[in-house]
């Protein structure tokens, strides 16, 4: 029984160490993995699994995890100060297609065949290659596209229109709870919020699932309870 309890405790400890190391290495470890980050992530994950079941010498896997994390942070800092190191660790973008020319050599360097390239084009919304001006393989494995000038969506600048700039929406109520810090930073107070709720037919913040403020006078409210049921996506 004591071994079971120790496994549970070491598993929780390994999760805590993983969380702290991920915070130390930054969000890039989660959302923008390059080859080095991928290797470090797999290594730390494997050591964490071993740490959860290591009942004899717990400190060894723990030290190894910390070393991997510190190396990752050191490489990241070094890369910020050296372009050559950054290019070596993260790699450089590859132009796969430009001005109607598909670069077979770069496809081979990227270990990508034509079927995969066409798949990335379709995922990007391009079913006709003539609509693409440039296709670039980024260092994190995604393919980005520059559409032909005639194929890109029209913008207000094309018609000399100056629309009002939209602002980032700030949540003021979340799951029925007023976010006092956000309300304070927005320059509003509880009285203003309650007046807005009352004007829209709400009696208390608990009746609101989500309230978003766009920086002006617009407050978007989403009720906690809805009369309309969500539609099943398989319905015809």
Protein backbone atom coordinates (compact mmCIF):
# COMPACT_ATOMS: atom_id res chain seq x y z
CA UNK A 1 0.00 0.00 0.00
CA UNK A 2 2.87 2.35 0.79
CA UNK A 3 4.28 1.80 -2.72
CA UNK A 4 0.95 2.83 -4.25
CA UNK A 5 0.84 6.01 -2.21
CA UNK A 6 4.44 6.80 -3.17
CA UNK A 7 3.64 6.31 -6.88
CA UNK A 8 0.69 8.70 -6.56
CA UNK A 9 2.82 11.31 -4.79
CA UNK A 10 5.71 11.02 -7.26
CA UNK A 11 3.27 11.25 -10.20
CA UNK A 12 1.83 14.47 -8.76
CA UNK A 13 5.35 15.76 -8.15
CA UNK A 14 6.38 14.99 -11.74
CA UNK A 15 3.32 16.87 -13.03
CA UNK A 16 4.26 19.86 -10.88
CA UNK A 17 7.86 19.81 -12.14
CA UNK A 18 6.62 19.48 -15.75
CA UNK A 19 4.30 22.46 -15.28
CA UNK A 20 7.05 24.62 -13.79
CA UNK A 21 9.52 23.66 -16.54
CA UNK A 22 6.93 24.41 -19.24
CA UNK A 23 6.30 27.82 -17.69
CA UNK A 24 10.06 28.37 -17.60
CA UNK A 25 10.51 27.42 -21.27
CA UNK A 26 7.51 29.51 -22.36
CA UNK A 27 4.37 28.95 -24.42
CA UNK A 28 6.50 28.16 -27.47
CA UNK A 29 6.92 24.67 -26.04
CA UNK A 30 3.18 24.14 -26.50
CA UNK A 31 2.15 26.00 -29.63
CA UNK A 32 5.23 26.50 -31.82
CA UNK A 33 7.38 23.41 -31.53
CA UNK A 34 10.53 23.38 -33.56
CA UNK A 35 12.74 20.29 -33.87
CA UNK A 36 14.76 21.06 -30.74
CA UNK A 37 11.65 21.81 -28.66
CA UNK A 38 10.11 18.57 -29.88
CA UNK A 39 13.14 16.54 -28.76
CA UNK A 40 13.27 18.25 -25.39
CA UNK A 41 9.53 17.82 -24.86
CA UNK A 42 9.64 14.09 -25.59
CA UNK A 43 12.69 13.63 -23.36
CA UNK A 44 11.20 15.49 -20.42
CA UNK A 45 7.90 13.64 -20.81
CA UNK A 46 9.67 10.26 -20.80
CA UNK A 47 11.70 11.20 -17.73
CA UNK A 48 8.55 12.41 -15.96
CA UNK A 49 6.89 9.04 -16.59
CA UNK A 50 9.95 7.28 -15.17
CA UNK A 51 9.99 9.66 -12.22
CA UNK A 52 6.39 8.71 -11.36
CA UNK A 53 7.32 5.05 -10.96
CA UNK A 54 10.87 5.42 -9.63
CA UNK A 55 10.65 4.46 -5.98
CA UNK A 56 14.33 4.07 -5.17
CA UNK A 57 16.22 7.12 -6.45
CA UNK A 58 13.72 9.89 -7.12
CA UNK A 59 16.36 12.61 -7.40
CA UNK A 60 17.97 11.21 -10.57
CA UNK A 61 15.02 11.69 -12.98
CA UNK A 62 14.18 14.99 -11.26
CA UNK A 63 17.70 16.32 -11.85
CA UNK A 64 17.59 15.11 -15.48
CA UNK A 65 14.31 16.96 -16.09
CA UNK A 66 15.72 20.17 -14.65
CA UNK A 67 18.88 19.82 -16.78
CA UNK A 68 16.81 19.38 -19.97
CA UNK A 69 14.69 22.40 -19.06
CA UNK A 70 17.70 24.60 -18.32
CA UNK A 71 19.38 23.53 -21.58
CA UNK A 72 16.23 24.46 -23.50
CA UNK A 73 16.11 27.88 -21.81
CA UNK A 74 19.84 28.40 -22.43
CA UNK A 75 19.52 27.53 -26.12
CA UNK A 76 16.55 29.90 -26.41
CA UNK A 77 18.47 32.78 -24.81
CA UNK A 78 21.54 32.03 -26.94
CA UNK A 79 19.38 31.99 -30.05
CA UNK A 80 17.96 35.41 -29.17
CA UNK A 81 21.48 36.84 -29.27
CA UNK A 82 22.85 34.90 -32.26
CA UNK A 83 21.20 34.67 -35.66
CA UNK A 84 23.36 31.69 -36.69
CA UNK A 85 22.40 29.71 -33.58
CA UNK A 86 18.74 30.58 -34.13
CA UNK A 87 18.86 29.39 -37.73
CA UNK A 88 20.67 26.21 -36.75
CA UNK A 89 18.26 25.31 -33.94
CA UNK A 90 14.94 26.44 -35.40
CA UNK A 91 15.79 26.18 -39.09
CA UNK A 92 14.98 28.58 -41.92
CA UNK A 93 11.75 28.98 -43.90
CA UNK A 94 11.73 27.23 -47.28
CA UNK A 95 10.03 28.65 -50.36
CA UNK A 96 8.11 25.74 -51.88
CA UNK A 97 6.41 27.66 -54.68
CA UNK A 98 6.81 31.13 -56.13
CA UNK A 99 5.39 32.84 -59.22
CA UNK A 100 4.03 29.61 -60.67
CA UNK A 101 7.21 27.59 -60.05
CA UNK A 102 7.24 24.62 -57.66
CA UNK A 103 10.72 24.10 -56.23
CA UNK A 104 11.24 20.36 -56.22
CA UNK A 105 14.61 20.70 -54.48
CA UNK A 106 13.03 22.48 -51.51
CA UNK A 107 10.24 19.92 -51.37
CA UNK A 108 12.89 17.22 -51.00
CA UNK A 109 14.68 19.24 -48.32
CA UNK A 110 11.39 19.51 -46.46
CA UNK A 111 10.77 15.73 -46.85
CA UNK A 112 7.47 16.61 -48.50
CA UNK A 113 5.97 15.02 -51.62
CA UNK A 114 3.56 16.66 -54.06
CA UNK A 115 0.51 15.01 -52.52
CA UNK A 116 1.35 16.50 -49.13
CA UNK A 117 1.99 19.91 -50.70
CA UNK A 118 -1.40 19.82 -52.44
CA UNK A 119 -3.02 18.80 -49.16
CA UNK A 120 -1.50 21.84 -47.41
CA UNK A 121 -2.78 24.02 -50.26
CA UNK A 122 -6.32 22.69 -49.82
CA UNK A 123 -6.12 23.16 -46.04
CA UNK A 124 -5.09 26.77 -46.73
CA UNK A 125 -8.19 27.20 -48.91
CA UNK A 126 -6.42 27.02 -52.28
CA UNK A 127 -7.83 24.37 -54.61
CA UNK A 128 -6.31 26.07 -57.64
CA UNK A 129 -2.52 26.57 -57.59
CA UNK A 130 -2.92 29.52 -59.96
CA UNK A 131 -4.36 31.44 -57.01
CA UNK A 132 -1.05 31.15 -55.11
CA UNK A 133 1.79 33.62 -55.54
CA UNK A 134 4.13 32.16 -52.89
CA UNK A 135 4.03 29.14 -50.57
CA UNK A 136 6.48 29.00 -47.64
CA UNK A 137 7.23 26.15 -45.25
CA UNK A 138 7.78 27.73 -41.83
CA UNK A 139 10.19 26.31 -39.27
CA UNK A 140 7.33 24.95 -37.11
CA UNK A 141 6.04 22.78 -39.98
CA UNK A 142 3.13 24.92 -41.18
CA UNK A 143 2.81 26.14 -44.76
CA UNK A 144 1.84 29.78 -45.25
CA UNK A 145 0.55 31.29 -48.50
CA UNK A 146 0.64 34.65 -50.24
CA UNK A 147 -2.27 34.75 -52.71
CA UNK A 148 -2.10 36.41 -56.11
CA UNK A 149 -3.10 40.05 -56.02
CA UNK A 150 -6.21 39.34 -58.11
CA UNK A 151 -7.23 36.48 -55.80
CA UNK A 152 -6.81 38.13 -52.41
CA UNK A 153 -9.92 39.48 -50.65
CA UNK A 154 -10.69 43.16 -51.17
CA UNK A 155 -9.85 45.40 -48.22
CA UNK A 156 -11.31 48.77 -47.17
CA UNK A 157 -8.05 50.39 -48.27
CA UNK A 158 -8.78 49.28 -51.85
CA UNK A 159 -11.92 51.45 -51.80
CA UNK A 160 -10.40 54.29 -49.73
CA UNK A 161 -12.71 53.44 -46.85
CA UNK A 162 -11.70 54.16 -43.26
CA UNK A 163 -13.71 51.85 -41.00
CA UNK A 164 -13.76 52.26 -37.23
CA UNK A 165 -10.99 50.23 -35.62
CA UNK A 166 -12.37 47.33 -33.59
CA UNK A 167 -10.93 46.80 -30.13
CA UNK A 168 -10.09 43.62 -28.27
CA UNK A 169 -13.08 42.50 -26.22
CA UNK A 170 -12.59 42.30 -22.45
CA UNK A 171 -14.57 39.74 -20.41
CA UNK A 172 -16.38 41.42 -17.51
CA UNK A 173 -18.52 38.46 -16.46
CA UNK A 174 -17.45 34.84 -16.70
CA UNK A 175 -19.68 31.94 -15.64
CA UNK A 176 -21.89 34.34 -13.72
CA UNK A 177 -19.01 35.91 -11.77
CA UNK A 178 -18.00 39.56 -12.16
CA UNK A 179 -14.30 39.94 -12.98
CA UNK A 180 -13.57 42.88 -10.68
CA UNK A 181 -10.00 43.38 -11.91
CA UNK A 182 -11.05 43.58 -15.56
CA UNK A 183 -13.91 45.90 -14.65
CA UNK A 184 -11.49 48.20 -12.83
CA UNK A 185 -8.95 48.21 -15.69
CA UNK A 186 -11.70 49.02 -18.19
CA UNK A 187 -12.48 52.22 -16.28
CA UNK A 188 -15.98 51.09 -15.39
CA UNK A 189 -17.59 50.29 -12.05
CA UNK A 190 -20.15 47.88 -10.67
CA UNK A 191 -22.93 50.46 -10.94
CA UNK A 192 -22.34 50.87 -14.69
CA UNK A 193 -22.31 47.10 -15.16
CA UNK A 194 -25.53 46.58 -13.22
CA UNK A 195 -27.20 49.34 -15.26
CA UNK A 196 -26.11 47.63 -18.48
CA UNK A 197 -27.47 44.32 -17.25
CA UNK A 198 -30.78 45.90 -16.23
CA UNK A 199 -31.16 47.63 -19.61
CA UNK A 200 -30.78 44.28 -21.33
CA UNK A 201 -33.27 42.49 -19.10
CA UNK A 202 -30.94 40.83 -16.58
CA UNK A 203 -31.45 41.12 -12.84
CA UNK A 204 -28.08 39.80 -11.59
CA UNK A 205 -24.65 38.80 -12.93
CA UNK A 206 -25.48 35.19 -12.09
CA UNK A 207 -27.92 35.17 -15.01
CA UNK A 208 -25.08 35.92 -17.46
CA UNK A 209 -22.75 33.23 -18.78
CA UNK A 210 -20.41 35.67 -20.52
CA UNK A 211 -20.23 39.46 -20.86
CA UNK A 212 -17.74 41.04 -23.27
CA UNK A 213 -16.96 44.75 -23.53
CA UNK A 214 -15.43 46.14 -26.74
CA UNK A 215 -13.97 49.33 -25.26
CA UNK A 216 -16.85 51.60 -26.26
CA UNK A 217 -20.46 51.46 -25.17
CA UNK A 218 -21.13 48.01 -26.59
CA UNK A 219 -21.56 45.20 -24.05
CA UNK A 220 -22.24 41.76 -25.51
CA UNK A 221 -24.15 39.47 -23.15
CA UNK A 222 -24.70 35.72 -23.38
CA UNK A 223 -27.33 34.25 -21.02
CA UNK A 224 -26.63 31.47 -18.56
CA UNK A 225 -29.83 29.64 -19.51
CA UNK A 226 -31.05 29.41 -23.10
CA UNK A 227 -34.45 28.44 -24.39
CA UNK A 228 -33.03 27.15 -27.66
CA UNK A 229 -31.27 23.78 -27.62
CA UNK A 230 -28.02 23.31 -29.51
CA UNK A 231 -28.46 21.61 -32.88
CA UNK A 232 -26.77 18.27 -33.45
CA UNK A 233 -24.30 18.62 -36.32
CA UNK A 234 -25.54 15.31 -37.73
CA UNK A 235 -29.09 16.58 -38.05
CA UNK A 236 -30.34 16.96 -41.63
